[in-house]
Amino acid sequence: MNWYRIDTEAVIKQLQTSERGLPGEEAKTRLEKEGPNKLPEAKGASPWRLLLHQFTSPLIYILLVAAVVTAFLAEYIDTAVIAAILILNA
């Protein structure tokens, strides 16, 4: 229901309450019946999922190729910098 489209009196009537809110007993009854008005906690992403998600970007593949090329060219400092960027990006 689009509550923002309804005037205040209609909302109060629909929710069977008053402008002051629910009486204590009614609030307790509704809390027991409906449960707390709380959003479920979001699950955090696992480290493995974050690592795998990194490989969805084409830029990561470009950096991986650059790291391999610089390693073959014996540019170990450049390889280490690119590897560090890849690790920090994860």
Protein backbone atom coordinates (compact mmCIF):
# COMPACT_ATOMS: atom_id res chain seq x y z
CA MET A 1 0.00 0.00 0.00
CA ASN A 2 1.28 3.51 -0.80
CA TRP A 3 0.86 5.07 2.63
CA TYR A 4 2.22 8.42 1.46
CA ARG A 5 -0.76 8.87 -0.87
CA ILE A 6 -3.35 8.49 1.88
CA ASP A 7 -4.39 11.32 4.19
CA THR A 8 -3.58 11.06 7.89
CA GLU A 9 -7.09 10.22 9.06
CA ALA A 10 -7.39 7.31 6.62
CA VAL A 11 -4.03 5.90 7.72
CA ILE A 12 -5.03 6.13 11.39
CA LYS A 13 -8.29 4.34 10.63
CA GLN A 14 -6.59 1.67 8.48
CA LEU A 15 -4.00 0.91 11.17
CA GLN A 16 -6.60 1.03 13.95
CA THR A 17 -4.63 3.47 16.07
CA SER A 18 -4.75 7.13 17.12
CA GLU A 19 -2.59 10.20 16.56
CA ARG A 20 -0.83 9.39 19.84
CA GLY A 21 -0.02 5.84 18.77
CA LEU A 22 -1.05 2.51 20.20
CA PRO A 23 -1.89 2.01 23.86
CA GLY A 24 0.71 -0.04 25.74
CA GLU A 25 -1.32 -3.24 25.86
CA GLU A 26 -2.20 -3.07 22.16
CA ALA A 27 1.45 -2.44 21.27
CA LYS A 28 2.47 -5.45 23.36
CA THR A 29 -0.19 -7.63 21.71
CA ARG A 30 0.88 -6.59 18.21
CA LEU A 31 4.54 -7.12 19.07
CA GLU A 32 3.79 -10.67 20.20
CA LYS A 33 1.61 -11.34 17.15
CA GLU A 34 3.70 -9.68 14.42
CA GLY A 35 7.17 -9.70 15.96
CA PRO A 36 9.56 -6.77 16.21
CA ASN A 37 9.66 -4.19 13.43
CA LYS A 38 13.24 -4.98 12.51
CA LEU A 39 14.99 -5.64 9.22
CA PRO A 40 16.91 -8.91 8.97
CA GLU A 41 20.65 -8.52 9.31
CA ALA A 42 22.50 -8.68 6.04
CA LYS A 43 25.07 -11.42 5.70
CA GLY A 44 28.58 -10.24 4.98
CA ALA A 45 30.36 -11.55 1.92
CA SER A 46 32.97 -14.21 2.59
CA PRO A 47 36.61 -13.49 1.70
CA TRP A 48 36.49 -16.16 -1.03
CA ARG A 49 33.42 -14.58 -2.61
CA LEU A 50 35.14 -11.18 -2.58
CA LEU A 51 38.22 -12.69 -4.20
CA LEU A 52 36.19 -14.37 -6.94
CA HIS A 53 34.12 -11.24 -7.48
CA GLN A 54 37.33 -9.36 -8.26
CA PHE A 55 37.71 -11.33 -11.49
CA THR A 56 34.52 -9.92 -12.99
CA SER A 57 36.30 -6.74 -14.05
CA PRO A 58 38.25 -6.66 -17.35
CA LEU A 59 40.76 -4.29 -15.77
CA ILE A 60 41.87 -7.09 -13.46
CA TYR A 61 42.74 -9.28 -16.45
CA ILE A 62 44.74 -6.45 -17.98
CA LEU A 63 46.67 -6.03 -14.74
CA LEU A 64 47.29 -9.79 -14.52
CA VAL A 65 48.69 -9.82 -18.06
CA ALA A 66 50.83 -6.79 -17.22
CA ALA A 67 52.17 -8.56 -14.13
CA VAL A 68 53.09 -11.66 -16.14
CA VAL A 69 54.77 -9.59 -18.87
CA THR A 70 56.78 -7.54 -16.39
CA ALA A 71 57.84 -10.73 -14.60
CA PHE A 72 59.11 -12.21 -17.90
CA LEU A 73 60.98 -8.96 -18.57
CA ALA A 74 62.64 -9.25 -15.14
CA GLU A 75 61.02 -5.99 -14.00
CA TYR A 76 60.41 -7.35 -10.52
CA ILE A 77 59.64 -4.00 -8.89
CA ASP A 78 56.92 -3.33 -11.46
CA THR A 79 55.63 -6.87 -11.01
CA ALA A 80 55.49 -6.38 -7.24
CA VAL A 81 53.67 -3.05 -7.59
CA ILE A 82 51.07 -4.55 -9.95
CA ALA A 83 50.64 -7.57 -7.68
CA ALA A 84 50.19 -5.26 -4.69
CA ILE A 85 47.52 -3.31 -6.58
CA LEU A 86 45.72 -6.55 -7.41
CA ILE A 87 45.84 -7.71 -3.80
CA LEU A 88 44.72 -4.36 -2.40
CA ASN A 89 41.91 -4.22 -4.94
CA ALA A 90 40.51 -7.49 -3.61
